[in-house]
């Protein structure tokens, strides 16, 4: 299963989580320390301290929003799950943004 090393407050992590949800991809979210200087464990585990970072099912490490989103489009296609629009609408509503 794909692992996403991320933080709830991080907008880049949020974009990746949203795409995973839209594509209907199961993943495990791993929370990381807020301060990059405190992310020694993350560096030891995946070789990065910046988030988001994903580890694929085959052990590949993807660093940053752009690399992760490109991988997701390549691996799962750009086809959203049947309820993707509903997820997107709820996310925008929660954030107080117009649709």
PDB file of N, CA and C in Angstrom:
ATOM      1  N   UNK A   1       0.848  -1.175   0.000  1.00  0.00           N
ATOM      2  CA  UNK A   1       0.000   0.000   0.000  1.00  0.00           C
ATOM      3  C   UNK A   1       0.892   1.236   0.000  1.00  0.00           C
ATOM      4  N   UNK A   2       0.485   2.257  -0.713  1.00  0.00           N
ATOM      5  CA  UNK A   2       1.235   3.500  -0.790  1.00  0.00           C
ATOM      6  C   UNK A   2       1.255   4.175   0.581  1.00  0.00           C
ATOM      7  N   UNK A   3       2.417   4.689   0.958  1.00  0.00           N
ATOM      8  CA  UNK A   3       2.557   5.449   2.209  1.00  0.00           C
ATOM      9  C   UNK A   3       2.820   6.903   1.852  1.00  0.00           C
ATOM     10  N   UNK A   4       2.131   7.802   2.541  1.00  0.00           N
ATOM     11  CA  UNK A   4       2.321   9.230   2.319  1.00  0.00           C
ATOM     12  C   UNK A   4       2.815   9.859   3.612  1.00  0.00           C
ATOM     13  N   UNK A   5       4.043  10.354   3.591  1.00  0.00           N
ATOM     14  CA  UNK A   5       4.621  11.063   4.728  1.00  0.00           C
ATOM     15  C   UNK A   5       4.245  12.521   4.544  1.00  0.00           C
ATOM     16  N   UNK A   6       3.481  13.060   5.497  1.00  0.00           N
ATOM     17  CA  UNK A   6       2.837  14.341   5.281  1.00  0.00           C
ATOM     18  C   UNK A   6       2.440  14.994   6.591  1.00  0.00           C
ATOM     19  N   UNK A   7       1.829  16.168   6.465  1.00  0.00           N
ATOM     20  CA  UNK A   7       1.269  16.875   7.620  1.00  0.00           C
ATOM     21  C   UNK A   7      -0.069  17.464   7.191  1.00  0.00           C
ATOM     22  N   UNK A   8      -1.006  17.462   8.090  1.00  0.00           N
ATOM     23  CA  UNK A   8      -2.350  17.968   7.782  1.00  0.00           C
ATOM     24  C   UNK A   8      -2.326  19.447   7.416  1.00  0.00           C
ATOM     25  N   UNK A   9      -1.425  20.233   7.988  1.00  0.00           N
ATOM     26  CA  UNK A   9      -1.364  21.668   7.745  1.00  0.00           C
ATOM     27  C   UNK A   9      -0.672  22.026   6.429  1.00  0.00           C
ATOM     28  N   UNK A  10      -0.007  21.067   5.814  1.00  0.00           N
ATOM     29  CA  UNK A  10       0.789  21.329   4.606  1.00  0.00           C
ATOM     30  C   UNK A  10      -0.101  21.344   3.360  1.00  0.00           C
ATOM     31  N   UNK A  11      -0.160  22.477   2.629  1.00  0.00           N
ATOM     32  CA  UNK A  11      -1.019  22.533   1.445  1.00  0.00           C
ATOM     33  C   UNK A  11      -0.601  21.561   0.343  1.00  0.00           C
ATOM     34  N   UNK A  12       0.687  21.284   0.223  1.00  0.00           N
ATOM     35  CA  UNK A  12       1.169  20.344  -0.795  1.00  0.00           C
ATOM     36  C   UNK A  12       0.724  18.922  -0.446  1.00  0.00           C
ATOM     37  N   UNK A  13       0.805  18.587   0.837  1.00  0.00           N
ATOM     38  CA  UNK A  13       0.315  17.284   1.285  1.00  0.00           C
ATOM     39  C   UNK A  13      -1.180  17.178   1.024  1.00  0.00           C
ATOM     40  N   UNK A  14      -1.903  18.260   1.268  1.00  0.00           N
ATOM     41  CA  UNK A  14      -3.344  18.271   1.052  1.00  0.00           C
ATOM     42  C   UNK A  14      -3.714  18.003  -0.398  1.00  0.00           C
ATOM     43  N   UNK A  15      -2.965  18.576  -1.322  1.00  0.00           N
ATOM     44  CA  UNK A  15      -3.231  18.344  -2.747  1.00  0.00           C
ATOM     45  C   UNK A  15      -3.023  16.873  -3.107  1.00  0.00           C
ATOM     46  N   UNK A  16      -1.977  16.280  -2.532  1.00  0.00           N
ATOM     47  CA  UNK A  16      -1.719  14.861  -2.806  1.00  0.00           C
ATOM     48  C   UNK A  16      -2.817  13.996  -2.201  1.00  0.00           C
ATOM     49  N   UNK A  17      -3.211  14.286  -0.955  1.00  0.00           N
ATOM     50  CA  UNK A  17      -4.298  13.517  -0.325  1.00  0.00           C
ATOM     51  C   UNK A  17      -5.581  13.631  -1.137  1.00  0.00           C
ATOM     52  N   UNK A  18      -5.870  14.829  -1.623  1.00  0.00           N
ATOM     53  CA  UNK A  18      -7.079  15.034  -2.419  1.00  0.00           C
ATOM     54  C   UNK A  18      -7.035  14.188  -3.684  1.00  0.00           C
ATOM     55  N   UNK A  19      -5.909  14.179  -4.384  1.00  0.00           N
ATOM     56  CA  UNK A  19      -5.803  13.392  -5.619  1.00  0.00           C
ATOM     57  C   UNK A  19      -5.937  11.905  -5.324  1.00  0.00           C
ATOM     58  N   UNK A  20      -5.307  11.438  -4.250  1.00  0.00           N
ATOM     59  CA  UNK A  20      -5.443  10.038  -3.871  1.00  0.00           C
ATOM     60  C   UNK A  20      -6.909   9.683  -3.636  1.00  0.00           C
ATOM     61  N   UNK A  21      -7.617  10.562  -2.955  1.00  0.00           N
ATOM     62  CA  UNK A  21      -9.037  10.336  -2.691  1.00  0.00           C
ATOM     63  C   UNK A  21      -9.835  10.342  -3.986  1.00  0.00           C
ATOM     64  N   UNK A  22      -9.566  11.309  -4.855  1.00  0.00           N
ATOM     65  CA  UNK A  22     -10.282  11.402  -6.127  1.00  0.00           C
ATOM     66  C   UNK A  22     -10.060  10.172  -6.988  1.00  0.00           C
ATOM     67  N   UNK A  23      -8.861   9.605  -6.928  1.00  0.00           N
ATOM     68  CA  UNK A  23      -8.549   8.414  -7.716  1.00  0.00           C
ATOM     69  C   UNK A  23      -9.014   7.128  -7.042  1.00  0.00           C
ATOM     70  N   UNK A  24      -9.438   7.234  -5.783  1.00  0.00           N
ATOM     71  CA  UNK A  24      -9.887   6.043  -5.061  1.00  0.00           C
ATOM     72  C   UNK A  24      -8.741   5.132  -4.649  1.00  0.00           C
ATOM     73  N   UNK A  25      -7.569   5.720  -4.417  1.00  0.00           N
ATOM     74  CA  UNK A  25      -6.378   4.951  -4.050  1.00  0.00           C
ATOM     75  C   UNK A  25      -6.278   4.866  -2.527  1.00  0.00           C
ATOM     76  N   UNK A  26      -6.184   3.648  -2.018  1.00  0.00           N
ATOM     77  CA  UNK A  26      -5.955   3.468  -0.586  1.00  0.00           C
ATOM     78  C   UNK A  26      -4.512   3.825  -0.270  1.00  0.00           C
ATOM     79  N   UNK A  27      -4.311   4.489   0.867  1.00  0.00           N
ATOM     80  CA  UNK A  27      -2.961   4.858   1.279  1.00  0.00           C
ATOM     81  C   UNK A  27      -2.912   4.967   2.790  1.00  0.00           C
ATOM     82  N   UNK A  28      -1.688   4.925   3.305  1.00  0.00           N
ATOM     83  CA  UNK A  28      -1.455   5.122   4.727  1.00  0.00           C
ATOM     84  C   UNK A  28      -0.794   6.480   4.890  1.00  0.00           C
ATOM     85  N   UNK A  29      -1.394   7.336   5.713  1.00  0.00           N
ATOM     86  CA  UNK A  29      -0.820   8.653   5.982  1.00  0.00           C
ATOM     87  C   UNK A  29       0.087   8.551   7.196  1.00  0.00           C
ATOM     88  N   UNK A  30       1.330   8.961   7.034  1.00  0.00           N
ATOM     89  CA  UNK A  30       2.308   8.981   8.114  1.00  0.00           C
ATOM     90  C   UNK A  30       2.582  10.442   8.469  1.00  0.00           C
ATOM     91  N   UNK A  31       2.277  10.817   9.693  1.00  0.00           N
ATOM     92  CA  UNK A  31       2.498  12.194  10.140  1.00  0.00           C
ATOM     93  C   UNK A  31       3.983  12.409  10.424  1.00  0.00           C
ATOM     94  N   UNK A  32       4.465  13.600  10.102  1.00  0.00           N
ATOM     95  CA  UNK A  32       5.868  13.940  10.357  1.00  0.00           C
ATOM     96  C   UNK A  32       5.931  15.181  11.234  1.00  0.00           C
ATOM     97  N   UNK A  33       7.081  15.394  11.828  1.00  0.00           N
ATOM     98  CA  UNK A  33       7.292  16.560  12.694  1.00  0.00           C
ATOM     99  C   UNK A  33       7.129  17.850  11.898  1.00  0.00           C
ATOM    100  N   UNK A  34       6.618  18.881  12.549  1.00  0.00           N
ATOM    101  CA  UNK A  34       6.397  20.165  11.886  1.00  0.00           C
ATOM    102  C   UNK A  34       7.719  20.828  11.482  1.00  0.00           C
ATOM    103  N   UNK A  35       8.727  20.707  12.311  1.00  0.00           N
ATOM    104  CA  UNK A  35      10.018  21.346  12.069  1.00  0.00           C
ATOM    105  C   UNK A  35      10.916  20.422  11.251  1.00  0.00           C
ATOM    106  N   UNK A  36      11.336  20.858  10.046  1.00  0.00           N
ATOM    107  CA  UNK A  36      12.196  19.998   9.231  1.00  0.00           C
ATOM    108  C   UNK A  36      13.463  19.524   9.952  1.00  0.00           C
ATOM    109  N   UNK A  37      13.973  20.325  10.876  1.00  0.00           N
ATOM    110  CA  UNK A  37      15.175  19.930  11.612  1.00  0.00           C
ATOM    111  C   UNK A  37      14.904  18.743  12.548  1.00  0.00           C
ATOM    112  N   UNK A  38      13.634  18.481  12.819  1.00  0.00           N
ATOM    113  CA  UNK A  38      13.264  17.378  13.714  1.00  0.00           C
ATOM    114  C   UNK A  38      12.853  16.130  12.951  1.00  0.00           C
ATOM    115  N   UNK A  39      13.140  16.063  11.689  1.00  0.00           N
ATOM    116  CA  UNK A  39      12.693  14.947  10.849  1.00  0.00           C
ATOM    117  C   UNK A  39      13.807  13.935  10.559  1.00  0.00           C
ATOM    118  N   UNK A  40      14.662  13.706  11.515  1.00  0.00           N
ATOM    119  CA  UNK A  40      15.761  12.752  11.318  1.00  0.00           C
ATOM    120  C   UNK A  40      15.215  11.370  10.973  1.00  0.00           C
ATOM    121  N   UNK A  41      14.143  10.966  11.646  1.00  0.00           N
ATOM    122  CA  UNK A  41      13.545   9.660  11.386  1.00  0.00           C
ATOM    123  C   UNK A  41      13.045   9.541   9.957  1.00  0.00           C
ATOM    124  N   UNK A  42      12.475  10.621   9.437  1.00  0.00           N
ATOM    125  CA  UNK A  42      12.007  10.616   8.056  1.00  0.00           C
ATOM    126  C   UNK A  42      13.185  10.462   7.104  1.00  0.00           C
ATOM    127  N   UNK A  43      14.260  11.199   7.371  1.00  0.00           N
ATOM    128  CA  UNK A  43      15.452  11.096   6.518  1.00  0.00           C
ATOM    129  C   UNK A  43      16.008   9.678   6.542  1.00  0.00           C
ATOM    130  N   UNK A  44      16.043   9.071   7.726  1.00  0.00           N
ATOM    131  CA  UNK A  44      16.560   7.707   7.841  1.00  0.00           C
ATOM    132  C   UNK A  44      15.667   6.708   7.103  1.00  0.00           C
ATOM    133  N   UNK A  45      14.366   6.949   7.121  1.00  0.00           N
ATOM    134  CA  UNK A  45      13.439   5.999   6.504  1.00  0.00           C
ATOM    135  C   UNK A  45      13.338   6.133   4.989  1.00  0.00           C
ATOM    136  N   UNK A  46      13.257   7.380   4.491  1.00  0.00           N
ATOM    137  CA  UNK A  46      13.051   7.567   3.045  1.00  0.00           C
ATOM    138  C   UNK A  46      14.085   8.467   2.377  1.00  0.00           C
ATOM    139  N   UNK A  47      15.035   8.997   3.138  1.00  0.00           N
ATOM    140  CA  UNK A  47      16.090   9.807   2.552  1.00  0.00           C
ATOM    141  C   UNK A  47      15.705  11.241   2.248  1.00  0.00           C
ATOM    142  N   UNK A  48      14.611  11.712   2.813  1.00  0.00           N
ATOM    143  CA  UNK A  48      14.130  13.077   2.567  1.00  0.00           C
ATOM    144  C   UNK A  48      13.700  13.705   3.884  1.00  0.00           C
ATOM    145  N   UNK A  49      13.667  15.057   3.915  1.00  0.00           N
ATOM    146  CA  UNK A  49      13.078  15.743   5.069  1.00  0.00           C
ATOM    147  C   UNK A  49      11.939  16.665   4.656  1.00  0.00           C
ATOM    148  N   UNK A  50      11.836  16.971   3.364  1.00  0.00           N
ATOM    149  CA  UNK A  50      10.751  17.816   2.871  1.00  0.00           C
ATOM    150  C   UNK A  50       9.519  16.959   2.637  1.00  0.00           C
ATOM    151  N   UNK A  51       8.343  17.553   2.848  1.00  0.00           N
ATOM    152  CA  UNK A  51       7.104  16.817   2.626  1.00  0.00           C
ATOM    153  C   UNK A  51       6.299  17.502   1.532  1.00  0.00           C
ATOM    154  N   UNK A  52       5.439  16.769   0.873  1.00  0.00           N
ATOM    155  CA  UNK A  52       5.116  15.366   1.067  1.00  0.00           C
ATOM    156  C   UNK A  52       6.136  14.449   0.395  1.00  0.00           C
ATOM    157  N   UNK A  53       6.220  13.251   0.926  1.00  0.00           N
ATOM    158  CA  UNK A  53       7.033  12.179   0.355  1.00  0.00           C
ATOM    159  C   UNK A  53       6.151  10.945   0.310  1.00  0.00           C
ATOM    160  N   UNK A  54       6.219  10.216  -0.790  1.00  0.00           N
ATOM    161  CA  UNK A  54       5.457   8.976  -0.903  1.00  0.00           C
ATOM    162  C   UNK A  54       6.420   7.813  -1.097  1.00  0.00           C
ATOM    163  N   UNK A  55       6.040   6.682  -0.520  1.00  0.00           N
ATOM    164  CA  UNK A  55       6.761   5.433  -0.785  1.00  0.00           C
ATOM    165  C   UNK A  55       5.760   4.509  -1.450  1.00  0.00           C
ATOM    166  N   UNK A  56       6.089   4.084  -2.652  1.00  0.00           N
ATOM    167  CA  UNK A  56       5.180   3.257  -3.432  1.00  0.00           C
ATOM    168  C   UNK A  56       5.196   1.816  -2.933  1.00  0.00           C
ATOM    169  N   UNK A  57       4.278   1.037  -3.466  1.00  0.00           N
ATOM    170  CA  UNK A  57       4.168  -0.369  -3.089  1.00  0.00           C
ATOM    171  C   UNK A  57       5.453  -1.144  -3.365  1.00  0.00           C
ATOM    172  N   UNK A  58       6.210  -0.727  -4.378  1.00  0.00           N
ATOM    173  CA  UNK A  58       7.461  -1.418  -4.715  1.00  0.00           C
ATOM    174  C   UNK A  58       8.692  -0.773  -4.066  1.00  0.00           C
ATOM    175  N   UNK A  59       8.477   0.163  -3.124  1.00  0.00           N
ATOM    176  CA  UNK A  59       9.571   0.756  -2.373  1.00  0.00           C
ATOM    177  C   UNK A  59      10.191   1.991  -2.982  1.00  0.00           C
ATOM    178  N   UNK A  60       9.670   2.459  -4.078  1.00  0.00           N
ATOM    179  CA  UNK A  60      10.186   3.666  -4.726  1.00  0.00           C
ATOM    180  C   UNK A  60       9.808   4.887  -3.888  1.00  0.00           C
ATOM    181  N   UNK A  61      10.723   5.846  -3.768  1.00  0.00           N
ATOM    182  CA  UNK A  61      10.476   7.075  -3.018  1.00  0.00           C
ATOM    183  C   UNK A  61      10.220   8.214  -3.996  1.00  0.00           C
ATOM    184  N   UNK A  62       9.128   8.930  -3.756  1.00  0.00           N
ATOM    185  CA  UNK A  62       8.757  10.082  -4.580  1.00  0.00           C
ATOM    186  C   UNK A  62       8.737  11.306  -3.681  1.00  0.00           C
ATOM    187  N   UNK A  63       9.470  12.343  -4.058  1.00  0.00           N
ATOM    188  CA  UNK A  63       9.586  13.531  -3.210  1.00  0.00           C
ATOM    189  C   UNK A  63       8.903  14.721  -3.857  1.00  0.00           C
ATOM    190  N   UNK A  64       8.030  15.361  -3.105  1.00  0.00           N
ATOM    191  CA  UNK A  64       7.379  16.582  -3.556  1.00  0.00           C
ATOM    192  C   UNK A  64       6.068  16.330  -4.271  1.00  0.00           C
ATOM    193  N   UNK A  65       5.224  17.334  -4.183  1.00  0.00           N
ATOM    194  CA  UNK A  65       3.885  17.274  -4.767  1.00  0.00           C
ATOM    195  C   UNK A  65       3.907  16.935  -6.254  1.00  0.00           C
ATOM    196  N   UNK A  66       4.741  17.617  -7.036  1.00  0.00           N
ATOM    197  CA  UNK A  66       4.755  17.416  -8.482  1.00  0.00           C
ATOM    198  C   UNK A  66       5.139  15.991  -8.861  1.00  0.00           C
ATOM    199  N   UNK A  67       6.174  15.457  -8.229  1.00  0.00           N
ATOM    200  CA  UNK A  67       6.615  14.105  -8.555  1.00  0.00           C
ATOM    201  C   UNK A  67       5.551  13.072  -8.152  1.00  0.00           C
ATOM    202  N   UNK A  68       4.944  13.272  -7.008  1.00  0.00           N
ATOM    203  CA  UNK A  68       3.922  12.335  -6.548  1.00  0.00           C
ATOM    204  C   UNK A  68       2.700  12.383  -7.460  1.00  0.00           C
ATOM    205  N   UNK A  69       2.228  13.585  -7.789  1.00  0.00           N
ATOM    206  CA  UNK A  69       1.053  13.701  -8.651  1.00  0.00           C
ATOM    207  C   UNK A  69       1.310  13.122 -10.038  1.00  0.00           C
ATOM    208  N   UNK A  70       2.501  13.327 -10.580  1.00  0.00           N
ATOM    209  CA  UNK A  70       2.850  12.749 -11.883  1.00  0.00           C
ATOM    210  C   UNK A  70       2.816  11.222 -11.805  1.00  0.00           C
ATOM    211  N   UNK A  71       3.366  10.667 -10.736  1.00  0.00           N
ATOM    212  CA  UNK A  71       3.345   9.215 -10.555  1.00  0.00           C
ATOM    213  C   UNK A  71       1.906   8.701 -10.484  1.00  0.00           C
ATOM    214  N   UNK A  72       1.063   9.391  -9.712  1.00  0.00           N
ATOM    215  CA  UNK A  72      -0.322   8.945  -9.563  1.00  0.00           C
ATOM    216  C   UNK A  72      -1.044   8.958 -10.903  1.00  0.00           C
ATOM    217  N   UNK A  73      -0.825  10.006 -11.703  1.00  0.00           N
ATOM    218  CA  UNK A  73      -1.457  10.064 -13.018  1.00  0.00           C
ATOM    219  C   UNK A  73      -0.949   8.944 -13.920  1.00  0.00           C
ATOM    220  N   UNK A  74       0.352   8.667 -13.842  1.00  0.00           N
ATOM    221  CA  UNK A  74       0.932   7.600 -14.664  1.00  0.00           C
ATOM    222  C   UNK A  74       0.452   6.223 -14.205  1.00  0.00           C
ATOM    223  N   UNK A  75       0.456   5.998 -12.909  1.00  0.00           N
ATOM    224  CA  UNK A  75       0.124   4.680 -12.344  1.00  0.00           C
ATOM    225  C   UNK A  75      -1.367   4.388 -12.368  1.00  0.00           C
ATOM    226  N   UNK A  76      -2.176   5.372 -12.018  1.00  0.00           N
ATOM    227  CA  UNK A  76      -3.615   5.149 -11.867  1.00  0.00           C
ATOM    228  C   UNK A  76      -4.447   5.835 -12.940  1.00  0.00           C
ATOM    229  N   UNK A  77      -3.791   6.603 -13.798  1.00  0.00           N
ATOM    230  CA  UNK A  77      -4.519   7.318 -14.824  1.00  0.00           C
ATOM    231  C   UNK A  77      -5.145   8.573 -14.249  1.00  0.00           C
ATOM    232  N   UNK A  78      -5.615   9.413 -15.106  1.00  0.00           N
ATOM    233  CA  UNK A  78      -6.219  10.658 -14.659  1.00  0.00           C
ATOM    234  C   UNK A  78      -7.719  10.480 -14.420  1.00  0.00           C
ATOM    235  N   UNK A  79      -8.184   9.231 -14.466  1.00  0.00           N
ATOM    236  CA  UNK A  79      -9.617   8.962 -14.257  1.00  0.00           C
ATOM    237  C   UNK A  79      -9.955   9.079 -12.786  1.00  0.00           C
ATOM    238  N   UNK A  80     -10.812   9.979 -12.447  1.00  0.00           N
ATOM    239  CA  UNK A  80     -11.219  10.071 -11.050  1.00  0.00           C
ATOM    240  C   UNK A  80     -12.177   8.948 -10.680  1.00  0.00           C
ATOM    241  N   UNK A  81     -12.243   8.660  -9.397  1.00  0.00           N
ATOM    242  CA  UNK A  81     -13.206   7.687  -8.885  1.00  0.00           C
ATOM    243  C   UNK A  81     -14.609   8.225  -9.137  1.00  0.00           C
ATOM    244  N   UNK A  82     -15.621   7.364  -9.149  1.00  0.00           N
ATOM    245  CA  UNK A  82     -16.988   7.817  -9.425  1.00  0.00           C
ATOM    246  C   UNK A  82     -17.479   8.938  -8.506  1.00  0.00           C
ATOM    247  N   UNK A  83     -17.019   8.966  -7.267  1.00  0.00           N
ATOM    248  CA  UNK A  83     -17.489   9.995  -6.337  1.00  0.00           C
ATOM    249  C   UNK A  83     -16.479  11.124  -6.135  1.00  0.00           C
ATOM    250  N   UNK A  84     -15.554  11.289  -7.079  1.00  0.00           N
ATOM    251  CA  UNK A  84     -14.508  12.303  -6.946  1.00  0.00           C
ATOM    252  C   UNK A  84     -15.077  13.708  -6.855  1.00  0.00           C
ATOM    253  N   UNK A  85     -16.070  14.009  -7.679  1.00  0.00           N
ATOM    254  CA  UNK A  85     -16.657  15.350  -7.653  1.00  0.00           C
ATOM    255  C   UNK A  85     -17.276  15.664  -6.295  1.00  0.00           C
ATOM    256  N   UNK A  86     -17.924  14.679  -5.689  1.00  0.00           N
ATOM    257  CA  UNK A  86     -18.514  14.873  -4.364  1.00  0.00           C
ATOM    258  C   UNK A  86     -17.428  15.135  -3.328  1.00  0.00           C
ATOM    259  N   UNK A  87     -16.321  14.381  -3.400  1.00  0.00           N
ATOM    260  CA  UNK A  87     -15.196  14.611  -2.488  1.00  0.00           C
ATOM    261  C   UNK A  87     -14.634  16.019  -2.669  1.00  0.00           C
ATOM    262  N   UNK A  88     -14.463  16.421  -3.925  1.00  0.00           N
ATOM    263  CA  UNK A  88     -13.906  17.743  -4.209  1.00  0.00           C
ATOM    264  C   UNK A  88     -14.835  18.837  -3.686  1.00  0.00           C
ATOM    265  N   UNK A  89     -16.140  18.683  -3.908  1.00  0.00           N
ATOM    266  CA  UNK A  89     -17.104  19.673  -3.440  1.00  0.00           C
ATOM    267  C   UNK A  89     -17.066  19.802  -1.927  1.00  0.00           C
ATOM    268  N   UNK A  90     -17.002  18.664  -1.235  1.00  0.00           N
ATOM    269  CA  UNK A  90     -16.954  18.693   0.233  1.00  0.00           C
ATOM    270  C   UNK A  90     -15.661  19.342   0.728  1.00  0.00           C
ATOM    271  N   UNK A  91     -14.551  19.060   0.061  1.00  0.00           N
ATOM    272  CA  UNK A  91     -13.272  19.655   0.465  1.00  0.00           C
ATOM    273  C   UNK A  91     -13.308  21.167   0.294  1.00  0.00           C
ATOM    274  N   UNK A  92     -13.843  21.629  -0.825  1.00  0.00           N
ATOM    275  CA  UNK A  92     -13.945  23.074  -1.058  1.00  0.00           C
ATOM    276  C   UNK A  92     -14.895  23.719  -0.061  1.00  0.00           C
ATOM    277  N   UNK A  93     -15.993  23.046   0.218  1.00  0.00           N
ATOM    278  CA  UNK A  93     -16.960  23.567   1.184  1.00  0.00           C
ATOM    279  C   UNK A  93     -16.319  23.692   2.566  1.00  0.00           C
ATOM    280  N   UNK A  94     -15.592  22.684   2.967  1.00  0.00           N
ATOM    281  CA  UNK A  94     -14.922  22.697   4.269  1.00  0.00           C
ATOM    282  C   UNK A  94     -13.914  23.835   4.356  1.00  0.00           C
ATOM    283  N   UNK A  95     -13.221  24.087   3.257  1.00  0.00           N
ATOM    284  CA  UNK A  95     -12.216  25.141   3.226  1.00  0.00           C
ATOM    285  C   UNK A  95     -12.847  26.526   3.039  1.00  0.00           C
ATOM    286  N   UNK A  96     -14.151  26.557   2.803  1.00  0.00           N
ATOM    287  CA  UNK A  96     -14.828  27.837   2.615  1.00  0.00           C
ATOM    288  C   UNK A  96     -14.549  28.467   1.269  1.00  0.00           C
ATOM    289  N   UNK A  97     -14.218  27.642   0.274  1.00  0.00           N
ATOM    290  CA  UNK A  97     -13.901  28.136  -1.061  1.00  0.00           C
ATOM    291  C   UNK A  97     -15.058  27.893  -2.006  1.00  0.00           C
ATOM    292  N   UNK A  98     -15.220  28.738  -3.018  1.00  0.00           N
ATOM    293  CA  UNK A  98     -16.295  28.510  -4.005  1.00  0.00           C
ATOM    294  C   UNK A  98     -15.983  27.309  -4.876  1.00  0.00           C
ATOM    295  N   UNK A  99     -17.015  26.697  -5.391  1.00  0.00           N
ATOM    296  CA  UNK A  99     -16.824  25.531  -6.275  1.00  0.00           C
ATOM    297  C   UNK A  99     -16.395  25.946  -7.643  1.00  0.00           C
TER     298      UNK A  99
END
